[in-house]
Amino acid sequence: MRRSWSLTWTRAGAPRVLALALPLAALTAGVFRLVVQFALPLRPLVRGLVEQATGNFFAAYYAGVLAPVIL
């Protein structure tokens, strides 16, 4: 714990941590956005398949809403 504290609270420590953390956070957000964009076209497909299989509109609607989240 003492070593971690000294790495971040020195003159060069905080900028070094930010220089590592900010690009990684931006990369994570970008990958998440791409996955969501690619998963959005699945909504009508999943909704149609579940509605045909079960005949339940509400279950199909919520399956379509949750399809990008599950992916």
Protein backbone atom coordinates (compact mmCIF):
# COMPACT_ATOMS: atom_id res chain seq x y z
CA MET A 1 0.00 0.00 0.00
CA ARG A 2 2.83 2.37 0.81
CA ARG A 3 4.44 1.69 -2.59
CA SER A 4 1.16 2.37 -4.44
CA TRP A 5 0.68 5.59 -2.53
CA SER A 6 4.20 6.77 -3.33
CA LEU A 7 3.80 5.94 -7.03
CA THR A 8 0.70 8.09 -7.41
CA TRP A 9 1.45 11.03 -5.11
CA THR A 10 4.89 11.96 -6.38
CA ARG A 11 5.53 14.72 -8.91
CA ALA A 12 5.74 12.31 -11.83
CA GLY A 13 3.36 9.69 -10.40
CA ALA A 14 -0.05 11.28 -10.97
CA PRO A 15 0.62 12.29 -14.60
CA ARG A 16 1.99 8.81 -15.28
CA VAL A 17 -1.12 7.17 -13.86
CA LEU A 18 -3.37 9.54 -15.85
CA ALA A 19 -1.34 8.94 -19.00
CA LEU A 20 -2.03 5.25 -18.64
CA ALA A 21 -5.62 5.40 -17.36
CA LEU A 22 -7.14 7.94 -19.77
CA PRO A 23 -6.25 6.14 -23.02
CA LEU A 24 -7.39 2.83 -21.55
CA ALA A 25 -10.70 4.39 -20.48
CA ALA A 26 -11.16 5.89 -23.95
CA LEU A 27 -10.36 2.55 -25.58
CA THR A 28 -12.84 0.75 -23.32
CA ALA A 29 -15.57 3.28 -24.07
CA GLY A 30 -14.88 3.03 -27.80
CA VAL A 31 -15.04 -0.76 -27.83
CA PHE A 32 -18.25 -0.69 -25.81
CA ARG A 33 -19.79 1.80 -28.26
CA LEU A 34 -18.81 -0.35 -31.25
CA VAL A 35 -20.30 -3.48 -29.68
CA VAL A 36 -23.56 -1.65 -28.97
CA GLN A 37 -23.71 -0.26 -32.52
CA PHE A 38 -23.17 -3.71 -34.02
CA ALA A 39 -25.73 -5.28 -31.67
CA LEU A 40 -28.56 -2.79 -32.31
CA PRO A 41 -29.62 -4.41 -35.63
CA LEU A 42 -30.28 -7.61 -33.65
CA ARG A 43 -33.26 -6.04 -31.88
CA PRO A 44 -35.86 -6.48 -34.65
CA LEU A 45 -34.46 -9.87 -35.61
CA VAL A 46 -34.67 -11.23 -32.06
CA ARG A 47 -38.08 -9.60 -31.55
CA GLY A 48 -39.46 -11.24 -34.68
CA LEU A 49 -38.04 -14.66 -33.89
CA VAL A 50 -39.30 -14.69 -30.30
CA GLU A 51 -42.74 -13.43 -31.30
CA GLN A 52 -43.08 -16.16 -33.92
CA ALA A 53 -41.84 -18.82 -31.54
CA THR A 54 -43.95 -17.85 -28.53
CA GLY A 55 -46.74 -15.66 -29.88
CA ASN A 56 -46.13 -13.33 -26.94
CA PHE A 57 -45.59 -9.73 -28.06
CA PHE A 58 -44.38 -8.49 -24.68
CA ALA A 59 -41.78 -11.22 -24.27
CA ALA A 60 -40.60 -10.57 -27.82
CA TYR A 61 -40.35 -6.83 -27.17
CA TYR A 62 -38.26 -7.26 -24.04
CA ALA A 63 -36.08 -9.92 -25.66
CA GLY A 64 -35.38 -7.43 -28.44
CA VAL A 65 -34.52 -4.72 -25.93
CA LEU A 66 -32.20 -7.03 -24.02
CA ALA A 67 -30.46 -8.55 -27.06
CA PRO A 68 -27.76 -5.85 -27.32
CA VAL A 69 -27.23 -5.92 -23.57
CA ILE A 70 -26.76 -9.69 -23.56
CA LEU A 71 -24.33 -9.54 -26.47
